[in-house]
Amino acid sequence: MFQLARPRPLLRYAPPWYCPASRARGTTLTDVSNEDLSSLLSGLMRAARRKTDAGRKALANDQLTREYLEAGLRLVDAQLGPTDDDVDTEDRPLFRWLSQRAVVDEVSRGGRLRGSEGSFRDRWPYQPDYIRDVFAYILRRAHWQRFVDRTADARNRLADAEDAVRAVHDAAYDDLITTRRTPALRAQLIGAAMAERDEIARTTLQEMYQVSTQAWLEAYEKTVAVRGLRLRPGLTLEDVNFIMTAVTEGMQLRLMVDPDDGVIDHEARTSLLGTAALALIVACFDHLGDGLSLEEVVALATGPAPPAPPATSAEPDPA
């Protein structure tokens, strides 16, 4: 059962996507009224106090259910997100801040509906079911689509910007900054750890990668066509996208641990992610028309220097 721990008050940190006025208007981070959540909320569908599947499906899509999930999203972002200097970071026992009481109180702070312990237990009698469902909710496709949409302008400039180097740095900078501000990034790390054993975590993350891959591949295909770029033999745009995804996630993880480690230069709007992207462009595309693979280029660059031509002695002119 839920531990009725004293709820930790919300941090003074406010997520960049949130403002009090939005709560007053009754908006949520992802207000998708026609979205069917029953296939996502496996905890509720298994344990909710309804006798039929139809009853549990209706409960999964009930507005108060969404409010409970949005409240959990806000608490996750407040507790796992960046904090200001006044926040006590020692008082963060794992998931205590997602207790039943804390979530019910957060729904009430939202101002749209009022929650209660009874209506909460009606949906999630056990804490692990709610935790699992709220992370699946955070990681679902709708949240990542909003992130992809917010970074679309920078991606689109890769193809037609006059200064291609500046466009690459802008796209990388916007991607890092915007990603750091989404609660789904932190949930992604937990979901990745769960993915091998949890089908919902695995499928939601797979959908997240599908959304991201489609957006970036479209940008890469347009850029390659407009700028007349040609990949080296043995490489595909899917390979380039996979490499860039891995580099991006690594830098995002590093920024969580040490945001002042020189990864981002806010004044210049550049980043090491932009530098990595520029290096990838130089290495993976055949700019000179030599037809060499990446391995052959590296072999040439790191192999022994060719022997110097023999010196010729000046012969005296017999005349």
C-alpha atoms as a PDB file:
ATOM      1  CA  MET A   1       0.000   0.000   0.000  1.00  0.00           C
ATOM      2  CA  PHE A   2       0.980   3.613  -0.332  1.00  0.00           C
ATOM      3  CA  GLN A   3       3.136   4.962   2.435  1.00  0.00           C
ATOM      4  CA  LEU A   4       1.408   8.024   3.843  1.00  0.00           C
ATOM      5  CA  ALA A   5       4.632   9.961   4.220  1.00  0.00           C
ATOM      6  CA  ARG A   6       4.619  13.674   4.934  1.00  0.00           C
ATOM      7  CA  PRO A   7       4.582  15.143   1.412  1.00  0.00           C
ATOM      8  CA  ARG A   8       7.537  17.216   0.433  1.00  0.00           C
ATOM      9  CA  PRO A   9       6.322  20.645  -0.728  1.00  0.00           C
ATOM     10  CA  LEU A  10       6.876  21.512  -4.352  1.00  0.00           C
ATOM     11  CA  LEU A  11      10.260  23.002  -5.073  1.00  0.00           C
ATOM     12  CA  ARG A  12      10.526  26.651  -5.824  1.00  0.00           C
ATOM     13  CA  TYR A  13      11.943  25.598  -9.173  1.00  0.00           C
ATOM     14  CA  ALA A  14       9.255  25.931 -11.850  1.00  0.00           C
ATOM     15  CA  PRO A  15       9.598  23.892 -15.051  1.00  0.00           C
ATOM     16  CA  PRO A  16      10.093  26.157 -18.101  1.00  0.00           C
ATOM     17  CA  TRP A  17       6.965  24.768 -19.750  1.00  0.00           C
ATOM     18  CA  TYR A  18       4.835  25.659 -16.722  1.00  0.00           C
ATOM     19  CA  CYS A  19       3.438  28.916 -15.444  1.00  0.00           C
ATOM     20  CA  PRO A  20       0.714  29.513 -12.839  1.00  0.00           C
ATOM     21  CA  ALA A  21      -1.484  31.186 -15.445  1.00  0.00           C
ATOM     22  CA  SER A  22      -1.600  27.961 -17.437  1.00  0.00           C
ATOM     23  CA  ARG A  23      -3.048  26.142 -14.466  1.00  0.00           C
ATOM     24  CA  ALA A  24      -5.650  28.836 -14.008  1.00  0.00           C
ATOM     25  CA  ARG A  25      -6.733  28.345 -17.606  1.00  0.00           C
ATOM     26  CA  GLY A  26      -6.915  24.608 -17.028  1.00  0.00           C
ATOM     27  CA  THR A  27      -4.303  23.599 -19.566  1.00  0.00           C
ATOM     28  CA  THR A  28      -1.899  20.700 -19.225  1.00  0.00           C
ATOM     29  CA  LEU A  29       1.465  19.891 -20.712  1.00  0.00           C
ATOM     30  CA  THR A  30      -0.069  17.587 -23.296  1.00  0.00           C
ATOM     31  CA  ASP A  31      -3.792  18.160 -23.546  1.00  0.00           C
ATOM     32  CA  VAL A  32      -4.771  15.391 -25.969  1.00  0.00           C
ATOM     33  CA  SER A  33      -8.420  14.754 -25.139  1.00  0.00           C
ATOM     34  CA  ASN A  34      -8.932  11.934 -27.663  1.00  0.00           C
ATOM     35  CA  GLU A  35      -5.865   9.966 -26.635  1.00  0.00           C
ATOM     36  CA  ASP A  36      -6.669   6.464 -25.360  1.00  0.00           C
ATOM     37  CA  LEU A  37      -4.544   5.818 -22.280  1.00  0.00           C
ATOM     38  CA  SER A  38      -5.882   2.351 -21.484  1.00  0.00           C
ATOM     39  CA  SER A  39      -3.126   0.552 -23.412  1.00  0.00           C
ATOM     40  CA  LEU A  40      -0.504   2.636 -21.621  1.00  0.00           C
ATOM     41  CA  LEU A  41      -1.692   2.427 -18.010  1.00  0.00           C
ATOM     42  CA  SER A  42      -1.064  -1.247 -17.323  1.00  0.00           C
ATOM     43  CA  GLY A  43      -1.028  -0.693 -13.560  1.00  0.00           C
ATOM     44  CA  LEU A  44      -4.485   0.858 -13.527  1.00  0.00           C
ATOM     45  CA  MET A  45      -5.903  -1.671 -15.994  1.00  0.00           C
ATOM     46  CA  ARG A  46      -4.665  -4.525 -13.813  1.00  0.00           C
ATOM     47  CA  ALA A  47      -5.530  -3.254 -10.342  1.00  0.00           C
ATOM     48  CA  ALA A  48      -8.317  -0.638 -10.635  1.00  0.00           C
ATOM     49  CA  ARG A  49     -11.490  -1.376  -8.710  1.00  0.00           C
ATOM     50  CA  ARG A  50     -13.684  -2.050 -11.707  1.00  0.00           C
ATOM     51  CA  LYS A  51     -15.232  -5.407 -12.559  1.00  0.00           C
ATOM     52  CA  THR A  52     -15.023  -5.156 -16.341  1.00  0.00           C
ATOM     53  CA  ASP A  53     -12.420  -4.213 -18.916  1.00  0.00           C
ATOM     54  CA  ALA A  54     -14.806  -1.580 -20.265  1.00  0.00           C
ATOM     55  CA  GLY A  55     -15.071  -0.019 -16.822  1.00  0.00           C
ATOM     56  CA  ARG A  56     -11.308   0.038 -16.373  1.00  0.00           C
ATOM     57  CA  LYS A  57     -10.835   1.511 -19.860  1.00  0.00           C
ATOM     58  CA  ALA A  58     -13.315   4.274 -19.069  1.00  0.00           C
ATOM     59  CA  LEU A  59     -11.492   4.959 -15.819  1.00  0.00           C
ATOM     60  CA  ALA A  60      -8.137   5.100 -17.624  1.00  0.00           C
ATOM     61  CA  ASN A  61      -9.497   7.853 -19.868  1.00  0.00           C
ATOM     62  CA  ASP A  62     -11.324   9.736 -17.126  1.00  0.00           C
ATOM     63  CA  GLN A  63     -10.301  13.388 -16.722  1.00  0.00           C
ATOM     64  CA  LEU A  64      -9.379  12.924 -13.053  1.00  0.00           C
ATOM     65  CA  THR A  65      -7.064  10.053 -14.035  1.00  0.00           C
ATOM     66  CA  ARG A  66      -5.263  12.415 -16.411  1.00  0.00           C
ATOM     67  CA  GLU A  67      -5.024  15.003 -13.628  1.00  0.00           C
ATOM     68  CA  TYR A  68      -3.374  12.436 -11.357  1.00  0.00           C
ATOM     69  CA  LEU A  69      -0.874  11.616 -14.103  1.00  0.00           C
ATOM     70  CA  GLU A  70      -0.166  15.276 -14.872  1.00  0.00           C
ATOM     71  CA  ALA A  71       0.361  15.862 -11.135  1.00  0.00           C
ATOM     72  CA  GLY A  72       2.899  13.029 -11.096  1.00  0.00           C
ATOM     73  CA  LEU A  73       4.609  14.519 -14.142  1.00  0.00           C
ATOM     74  CA  ARG A  74       4.983  17.870 -12.371  1.00  0.00           C
ATOM     75  CA  LEU A  75       6.333  16.212  -9.234  1.00  0.00           C
ATOM     76  CA  VAL A  76       8.823  14.152 -11.248  1.00  0.00           C
ATOM     77  CA  ASP A  77      10.072  17.245 -13.042  1.00  0.00           C
ATOM     78  CA  ALA A  78      10.279  19.259  -9.817  1.00  0.00           C
ATOM     79  CA  GLN A  79      12.162  16.543  -7.956  1.00  0.00           C
ATOM     80  CA  LEU A  80      14.434  15.201 -10.708  1.00  0.00           C
ATOM     81  CA  GLY A  81      14.903  18.412 -12.683  1.00  0.00           C
ATOM     82  CA  PRO A  82      17.413  21.228 -12.174  1.00  0.00           C
ATOM     83  CA  THR A  83      17.098  23.044  -8.856  1.00  0.00           C
ATOM     84  CA  ASP A  84      18.028  26.471  -7.573  1.00  0.00           C
ATOM     85  CA  ASP A  85      20.539  27.059  -4.809  1.00  0.00           C
ATOM     86  CA  ASP A  86      17.877  27.250  -2.088  1.00  0.00           C
ATOM     87  CA  VAL A  87      16.563  23.709  -2.573  1.00  0.00           C
ATOM     88  CA  ASP A  88      17.424  21.016  -0.045  1.00  0.00           C
ATOM     89  CA  THR A  89      18.713  18.208  -2.243  1.00  0.00           C
ATOM     90  CA  GLU A  90      19.368  15.836   0.655  1.00  0.00           C
ATOM     91  CA  ASP A  91      15.681  15.143   1.365  1.00  0.00           C
ATOM     92  CA  ARG A  92      14.901  13.096  -1.737  1.00  0.00           C
ATOM     93  CA  PRO A  93      14.250   9.435  -0.794  1.00  0.00           C
ATOM     94  CA  LEU A  94      13.498   7.552  -3.987  1.00  0.00           C
ATOM     95  CA  PHE A  95       9.872   8.146  -5.023  1.00  0.00           C
ATOM     96  CA  ARG A  96       8.685   9.240  -1.570  1.00  0.00           C
ATOM     97  CA  TRP A  97       7.592  12.427  -3.256  1.00  0.00           C
ATOM     98  CA  LEU A  98       5.191  10.364  -5.417  1.00  0.00           C
ATOM     99  CA  SER A  99       3.242   9.228  -2.364  1.00  0.00           C
ATOM    100  CA  GLN A 100      -0.530   9.118  -2.571  1.00  0.00           C
ATOM    101  CA  ARG A 101      -0.877  12.204  -0.391  1.00  0.00           C
ATOM    102  CA  ALA A 102       1.640  14.228  -2.405  1.00  0.00           C
ATOM    103  CA  VAL A 103      -0.080  13.437  -5.709  1.00  0.00           C
ATOM    104  CA  VAL A 104      -3.578  14.197  -4.376  1.00  0.00           C
ATOM    105  CA  ASP A 105      -2.336  17.543  -3.025  1.00  0.00           C
ATOM    106  CA  GLU A 106      -0.695  18.370  -6.344  1.00  0.00           C
ATOM    107  CA  VAL A 107      -3.935  17.712  -8.216  1.00  0.00           C
ATOM    108  CA  SER A 108      -5.656  20.198  -5.915  1.00  0.00           C
ATOM    109  CA  ARG A 109      -2.944  22.769  -6.587  1.00  0.00           C
ATOM    110  CA  GLY A 110      -3.698  22.368 -10.295  1.00  0.00           C
ATOM    111  CA  GLY A 111      -7.057  24.001  -9.717  1.00  0.00           C
ATOM    112  CA  ARG A 112      -9.119  22.047 -12.271  1.00  0.00           C
ATOM    113  CA  LEU A 113     -10.362  19.059 -10.276  1.00  0.00           C
ATOM    114  CA  ARG A 114     -10.044  17.912  -6.688  1.00  0.00           C
ATOM    115  CA  GLY A 115      -8.533  14.555  -5.917  1.00  0.00           C
ATOM    116  CA  SER A 116      -9.009  12.391  -2.863  1.00  0.00           C
ATOM    117  CA  GLU A 117      -7.335   9.371  -1.329  1.00  0.00           C
ATOM    118  CA  GLY A 118     -10.416   7.316  -2.136  1.00  0.00           C
ATOM    119  CA  SER A 119     -10.534   8.195  -5.835  1.00  0.00           C
ATOM    120  CA  PHE A 120      -6.785   7.681  -6.092  1.00  0.00           C
ATOM    121  CA  ARG A 121      -6.921   4.207  -4.494  1.00  0.00           C
ATOM    122  CA  ASP A 122      -9.838   3.414  -6.785  1.00  0.00           C
ATOM    123  CA  ARG A 123      -7.376   3.681  -9.674  1.00  0.00           C
ATOM    124  CA  TRP A 124      -4.080   2.600  -8.097  1.00  0.00           C
ATOM    125  CA  PRO A 125      -4.384   0.590  -4.879  1.00  0.00           C
ATOM    126  CA  TYR A 126      -0.622   0.058  -4.844  1.00  0.00           C
ATOM    127  CA  GLN A 127       2.166   2.607  -5.227  1.00  0.00           C
ATOM    128  CA  PRO A 128       4.295   0.621  -7.738  1.00  0.00           C
ATOM    129  CA  ASP A 129       1.366   0.560 -10.187  1.00  0.00           C
ATOM    130  CA  TYR A 130       1.043   4.346 -10.111  1.00  0.00           C
ATOM    131  CA  ILE A 131       4.785   4.915 -10.431  1.00  0.00           C
ATOM    132  CA  ARG A 132       4.934   2.601 -13.430  1.00  0.00           C
ATOM    133  CA  ASP A 133       1.942   4.275 -15.072  1.00  0.00           C
ATOM    134  CA  VAL A 134       3.125   7.848 -14.505  1.00  0.00           C
ATOM    135  CA  PHE A 135       6.504   7.111 -16.078  1.00  0.00           C
ATOM    136  CA  ALA A 136       4.812   5.443 -19.056  1.00  0.00           C
ATOM    137  CA  TYR A 137       2.608   8.530 -19.350  1.00  0.00           C
ATOM    138  CA  ILE A 138       5.594  10.887 -19.300  1.00  0.00           C
ATOM    139  CA  LEU A 139       7.446   8.858 -21.916  1.00  0.00           C
ATOM    140  CA  ARG A 140       4.572   8.455 -24.355  1.00  0.00           C
ATOM    141  CA  ARG A 141       4.725   9.670 -27.927  1.00  0.00           C
ATOM    142  CA  ALA A 142       2.695  12.862 -27.355  1.00  0.00           C
ATOM    143  CA  HIS A 143       5.300  14.387 -25.039  1.00  0.00           C
ATOM    144  CA  TRP A 144       8.204  13.664 -27.386  1.00  0.00           C
ATOM    145  CA  GLN A 145       6.271  14.975 -30.362  1.00  0.00           C
ATOM    146  CA  ARG A 146       5.926  18.319 -28.595  1.00  0.00           C
ATOM    147  CA  PHE A 147       9.691  18.410 -28.017  1.00  0.00           C
ATOM    148  CA  VAL A 148      10.400  17.545 -31.660  1.00  0.00           C
ATOM    149  CA  ASP A 149       8.006  20.274 -32.786  1.00  0.00           C
ATOM    150  CA  ARG A 150       9.760  22.889 -30.621  1.00  0.00           C
ATOM    151  CA  THR A 151      13.125  22.174 -32.277  1.00  0.00           C
ATOM    152  CA  ALA A 152      11.807  22.010 -35.857  1.00  0.00           C
ATOM    153  CA  ASP A 153      12.947  25.491 -36.909  1.00  0.00           C
ATOM    154  CA  ALA A 154      16.584  24.835 -36.062  1.00  0.00           C
ATOM    155  CA  ARG A 155      16.512  21.489 -37.884  1.00  0.00           C
ATOM    156  CA  ASN A 156      14.987  23.044 -40.974  1.00  0.00           C
ATOM    157  CA  ARG A 157      17.723  25.675 -41.186  1.00  0.00           C
ATOM    158  CA  LEU A 158      20.351  22.975 -41.732  1.00  0.00           C
ATOM    159  CA  ALA A 159      19.399  22.729 -45.393  1.00  0.00           C
ATOM    160  CA  ASP A 160      19.042  26.343 -46.465  1.00  0.00           C
ATOM    161  CA  ALA A 161      20.987  28.534 -44.022  1.00  0.00           C
ATOM    162  CA  GLU A 162      23.720  30.554 -45.709  1.00  0.00           C
ATOM    163  CA  ASP A 163      26.120  29.825 -42.854  1.00  0.00           C
ATOM    164  CA  ALA A 164      26.015  26.036 -42.532  1.00  0.00           C
ATOM    165  CA  VAL A 165      28.409  25.945 -39.576  1.00  0.00           C
ATOM    166  CA  ARG A 166      26.224  28.375 -37.634  1.00  0.00           C
ATOM    167  CA  ALA A 167      23.146  26.314 -38.517  1.00  0.00           C
ATOM    168  CA  VAL A 168      24.740  23.134 -37.166  1.00  0.00           C
ATOM    169  CA  HIS A 169      25.679  24.835 -33.898  1.00  0.00           C
ATOM    170  CA  ASP A 170      22.211  26.366 -33.590  1.00  0.00           C
ATOM    171  CA  ALA A 171      20.503  23.008 -34.086  1.00  0.00           C
ATOM    172  CA  ALA A 172      22.765  21.317 -31.551  1.00  0.00           C
ATOM    173  CA  TYR A 173      22.369  24.124 -29.009  1.00  0.00           C
ATOM    174  CA  ASP A 174      18.580  24.208 -29.321  1.00  0.00           C
ATOM    175  CA  ASP A 175      18.383  20.431 -29.027  1.00  0.00           C
ATOM    176  CA  LEU A 176      20.446  20.319 -25.822  1.00  0.00           C
ATOM    177  CA  ILE A 177      18.689  23.271 -24.189  1.00  0.00           C
ATOM    178  CA  THR A 178      15.165  22.173 -25.086  1.00  0.00           C
ATOM    179  CA  THR A 179      15.783  18.562 -24.072  1.00  0.00           C
ATOM    180  CA  ARG A 180      17.084  19.592 -20.667  1.00  0.00           C
ATOM    181  CA  ARG A 181      13.796  21.388 -20.048  1.00  0.00           C
ATOM    182  CA  THR A 182      11.517  18.430 -20.684  1.00  0.00           C
ATOM    183  CA  PRO A 183      10.595  16.096 -17.810  1.00  0.00           C
ATOM    184  CA  ALA A 184      10.591  13.183 -20.251  1.00  0.00           C
ATOM    185  CA  LEU A 185      14.409  13.305 -20.456  1.00  0.00           C
ATOM    186  CA  ARG A 186      14.795  12.315 -16.809  1.00  0.00           C
ATOM    187  CA  ALA A 187      12.047   9.743 -17.060  1.00  0.00           C
ATOM    188  CA  GLN A 188      13.821   8.332 -20.113  1.00  0.00           C
ATOM    189  CA  LEU A 189      16.819   7.318 -18.016  1.00  0.00           C
ATOM    190  CA  ILE A 190      14.621   5.394 -15.599  1.00  0.00           C
ATOM    191  CA  GLY A 191      12.619   3.907 -18.457  1.00  0.00           C
ATOM    192  CA  ALA A 192      15.796   2.741 -20.205  1.00  0.00           C
ATOM    193  CA  ALA A 193      16.861   0.896 -17.061  1.00  0.00           C
ATOM    194  CA  MET A 194      13.432  -0.783 -16.943  1.00  0.00           C
ATOM    195  CA  ALA A 195      13.119  -1.507 -20.670  1.00  0.00           C
ATOM    196  CA  GLU A 196      14.711  -4.956 -20.729  1.00  0.00           C
ATOM    197  CA  ARG A 197      12.152  -6.339 -18.261  1.00  0.00           C
ATOM    198  CA  ASP A 198       9.174  -4.029 -18.768  1.00  0.00           C
ATOM    199  CA  GLU A 199       7.260  -4.179 -22.053  1.00  0.00           C
ATOM    200  CA  ILE A 200       5.479  -0.847 -21.553  1.00  0.00           C
ATOM    201  CA  ALA A 201       8.761   0.972 -20.852  1.00  0.00           C
ATOM    202  CA  ARG A 202      10.359  -0.688 -23.860  1.00  0.00           C
ATOM    203  CA  THR A 203       7.544   0.087 -26.299  1.00  0.00           C
ATOM    204  CA  THR A 204       7.126   3.700 -25.146  1.00  0.00           C
ATOM    205  CA  LEU A 205      10.854   4.315 -25.559  1.00  0.00           C
ATOM    206  CA  GLN A 206      10.800   2.661 -28.974  1.00  0.00           C
ATOM    207  CA  GLU A 207       8.021   5.042 -29.988  1.00  0.00           C
ATOM    208  CA  MET A 208      10.064   7.958 -28.649  1.00  0.00           C
ATOM    209  CA  TYR A 209      13.004   6.955 -30.842  1.00  0.00           C
ATOM    210  CA  GLN A 210      10.682   6.576 -33.833  1.00  0.00           C
ATOM    211  CA  VAL A 211       9.427  10.144 -33.392  1.00  0.00           C
ATOM    212  CA  SER A 212      12.948  11.528 -33.041  1.00  0.00           C
ATOM    213  CA  THR A 213      14.390   9.434 -35.875  1.00  0.00           C
ATOM    214  CA  GLN A 214      11.685  10.460 -38.331  1.00  0.00           C
ATOM    215  CA  ALA A 215      12.173  14.165 -37.593  1.00  0.00           C
ATOM    216  CA  TRP A 216      15.960  14.097 -37.886  1.00  0.00           C
ATOM    217  CA  LEU A 217      16.094  11.814 -40.920  1.00  0.00           C
ATOM    218  CA  GLU A 218      13.771  14.146 -42.806  1.00  0.00           C
ATOM    219  CA  ALA A 219      16.069  17.060 -41.940  1.00  0.00           C
ATOM    220  CA  TYR A 220      19.181  15.108 -42.966  1.00  0.00           C
ATOM    221  CA  GLU A 221      17.660  13.964 -46.262  1.00  0.00           C
ATOM    222  CA  LYS A 222      16.671  17.510 -47.169  1.00  0.00           C
ATOM    223  CA  THR A 223      20.089  18.875 -46.177  1.00  0.00           C
ATOM    224  CA  VAL A 224      21.988  16.255 -48.189  1.00  0.00           C
ATOM    225  CA  ALA A 225      19.848  16.925 -51.268  1.00  0.00           C
ATOM    226  CA  VAL A 226      20.020  20.730 -51.086  1.00  0.00           C
ATOM    227  CA  ARG A 227      23.740  20.929 -50.316  1.00  0.00           C
ATOM    228  CA  GLY A 228      24.780  18.154 -52.716  1.00  0.00           C
ATOM    229  CA  LEU A 229      26.447  16.006 -50.048  1.00  0.00           C
ATOM    230  CA  ARG A 230      27.408  12.381 -50.665  1.00  0.00           C
ATOM    231  CA  LEU A 231      27.974   9.790 -47.966  1.00  0.00           C
ATOM    232  CA  ARG A 232      31.107   7.705 -47.976  1.00  0.00           C
ATOM    233  CA  PRO A 233      30.686   4.067 -49.083  1.00  0.00           C
ATOM    234  CA  GLY A 234      29.265   1.805 -46.368  1.00  0.00           C
ATOM    235  CA  LEU A 235      27.441   4.561 -44.480  1.00  0.00           C
ATOM    236  CA  THR A 236      23.760   5.528 -44.465  1.00  0.00           C
ATOM    237  CA  LEU A 237      21.853   8.480 -43.059  1.00  0.00           C
ATOM    238  CA  GLU A 238      20.360   6.056 -40.532  1.00  0.00           C
ATOM    239  CA  ASP A 239      23.915   5.362 -39.329  1.00  0.00           C
ATOM    240  CA  VAL A 240      24.622   9.078 -38.992  1.00  0.00           C
ATOM    241  CA  ASN A 241      21.391   9.605 -37.090  1.00  0.00           C
ATOM    242  CA  PHE A 242      22.137   6.705 -34.724  1.00  0.00           C
ATOM    243  CA  ILE A 243      25.608   8.080 -33.981  1.00  0.00           C
ATOM    244  CA  MET A 244      24.274  11.578 -33.357  1.00  0.00           C
ATOM    245  CA  THR A 245      21.540  10.226 -31.072  1.00  0.00           C
ATOM    246  CA  ALA A 246      24.113   8.376 -28.978  1.00  0.00           C
ATOM    247  CA  VAL A 247      26.386  11.430 -28.753  1.00  0.00           C
ATOM    248  CA  THR A 248      23.457  13.680 -27.853  1.00  0.00           C
ATOM    249  CA  GLU A 249      22.230  11.379 -25.082  1.00  0.00           C
ATOM    250  CA  GLY A 250      25.741  11.101 -23.670  1.00  0.00           C
ATOM    251  CA  MET A 251      26.108  14.864 -23.496  1.00  0.00           C
ATOM    252  CA  GLN A 252      22.651  15.239 -21.962  1.00  0.00           C
ATOM    253  CA  LEU A 253      23.657  12.780 -19.265  1.00  0.00           C
ATOM    254  CA  ARG A 254      26.914  14.637 -18.645  1.00  0.00           C
ATOM    255  CA  LEU A 255      25.038  17.945 -18.365  1.00  0.00           C
ATOM    256  CA  MET A 256      22.817  16.477 -15.652  1.00  0.00           C
ATOM    257  CA  VAL A 257      25.886  15.586 -13.609  1.00  0.00           C
ATOM    258  CA  ASP A 258      27.942  18.706 -14.260  1.00  0.00           C
ATOM    259  CA  PRO A 259      26.143  21.477 -16.183  1.00  0.00           C
ATOM    260  CA  ASP A 260      29.174  23.774 -15.971  1.00  0.00           C
ATOM    261  CA  ASP A 261      31.674  21.348 -17.500  1.00  0.00           C
ATOM    262  CA  GLY A 262      32.188  23.265 -20.730  1.00  0.00           C
ATOM    263  CA  VAL A 263      29.735  21.300 -22.867  1.00  0.00           C
ATOM    264  CA  ILE A 264      27.710  24.435 -23.680  1.00  0.00           C
ATOM    265  CA  ASP A 265      28.829  28.001 -24.340  1.00  0.00           C
ATOM    266  CA  HIS A 266      25.637  30.010 -23.825  1.00  0.00           C
ATOM    267  CA  GLU A 267      27.169  33.306 -24.891  1.00  0.00           C
ATOM    268  CA  ALA A 268      28.310  31.949 -28.255  1.00  0.00           C
ATOM    269  CA  ARG A 269      25.367  29.522 -28.548  1.00  0.00           C
ATOM    270  CA  THR A 270      27.726  26.672 -29.326  1.00  0.00           C
ATOM    271  CA  SER A 271      28.293  23.269 -27.776  1.00  0.00           C
ATOM    272  CA  LEU A 272      30.471  20.195 -27.974  1.00  0.00           C
ATOM    273  CA  LEU A 273      27.487  18.514 -29.586  1.00  0.00           C
ATOM    274  CA  GLY A 274      27.762  21.004 -32.445  1.00  0.00           C
ATOM    275  CA  THR A 275      31.500  20.316 -32.648  1.00  0.00           C
ATOM    276  CA  ALA A 276      30.824  16.574 -32.811  1.00  0.00           C
ATOM    277  CA  ALA A 277      28.262  17.122 -35.584  1.00  0.00           C
ATOM    278  CA  LEU A 278      30.749  19.168 -37.623  1.00  0.00           C
ATOM    279  CA  ALA A 279      33.386  16.455 -37.203  1.00  0.00           C
ATOM    280  CA  LEU A 280      30.873  13.850 -38.344  1.00  0.00           C
ATOM    281  CA  ILE A 281      30.066  15.878 -41.463  1.00  0.00           C
ATOM    282  CA  VAL A 282      33.751  16.077 -42.388  1.00  0.00           C
ATOM    283  CA  ALA A 283      34.384  12.375 -41.722  1.00  0.00           C
ATOM    284  CA  CYS A 284      31.252  10.692 -43.094  1.00  0.00           C
ATOM    285  CA  PHE A 285      30.733  12.622 -46.318  1.00  0.00           C
ATOM    286  CA  ASP A 286      32.914  12.440 -49.429  1.00  0.00           C
ATOM    287  CA  HIS A 287      33.648  16.087 -50.103  1.00  0.00           C
ATOM    288  CA  LEU A 288      36.583  15.497 -52.492  1.00  0.00           C
ATOM    289  CA  GLY A 289      35.043  12.782 -54.640  1.00  0.00           C
ATOM    290  CA  ASP A 290      37.770  10.275 -53.705  1.00  0.00           C
ATOM    291  CA  GLY A 291      35.290   7.408 -53.258  1.00  0.00           C
ATOM    292  CA  LEU A 292      37.079   6.153 -50.149  1.00  0.00           C
ATOM    293  CA  SER A 293      35.328   4.552 -47.216  1.00  0.00           C
ATOM    294  CA  LEU A 294      35.675   6.047 -43.740  1.00  0.00           C
ATOM    295  CA  GLU A 295      38.037   3.232 -42.783  1.00  0.00           C
ATOM    296  CA  GLU A 296      40.228   3.902 -45.813  1.00  0.00           C
ATOM    297  CA  VAL A 297      40.397   7.617 -45.025  1.00  0.00           C
ATOM    298  CA  VAL A 298      41.440   6.887 -41.431  1.00  0.00           C
ATOM    299  CA  ALA A 299      44.005   4.343 -42.624  1.00  0.00           C
ATOM    300  CA  LEU A 300      45.531   6.951 -44.912  1.00  0.00           C
ATOM    301  CA  ALA A 301      45.552   9.573 -42.177  1.00  0.00           C
ATOM    302  CA  THR A 302      47.174   7.333 -39.566  1.00  0.00           C
ATOM    303  CA  GLY A 303      49.437   5.196 -41.724  1.00  0.00           C
ATOM    304  CA  PRO A 304      53.185   5.696 -42.070  1.00  0.00           C
ATOM    305  CA  ALA A 305      54.255   8.664 -44.083  1.00  0.00           C
ATOM    306  CA  PRO A 306      55.355   7.779 -47.637  1.00  0.00           C
ATOM    307  CA  PRO A 307      59.134   7.652 -48.069  1.00  0.00           C
ATOM    308  CA  ALA A 308      60.729  10.825 -49.272  1.00  0.00           C
ATOM    309  CA  PRO A 309      61.980  10.772 -52.874  1.00  0.00           C
ATOM    310  CA  PRO A 310      65.731  10.147 -53.148  1.00  0.00           C
ATOM    311  CA  ALA A 311      67.870  13.236 -53.248  1.00  0.00           C
ATOM    312  CA  THR A 312      69.458  13.976 -56.617  1.00  0.00           C
ATOM    313  CA  SER A 313      73.005  15.293 -56.737  1.00  0.00           C
ATOM    314  CA  ALA A 314      73.719  18.117 -59.119  1.00  0.00           C
ATOM    315  CA  GLU A 315      75.971  16.858 -61.954  1.00  0.00           C
ATOM    316  CA  PRO A 316      78.462  19.401 -63.404  1.00  0.00           C
ATOM    317  CA  ASP A 317      77.658  20.507 -66.882  1.00  0.00           C
ATOM    318  CA  PRO A 318      80.183  18.741 -69.169  1.00  0.00           C
ATOM    319  CA  ALA A 319      80.187  21.725 -71.443  1.00  0.00           C
END
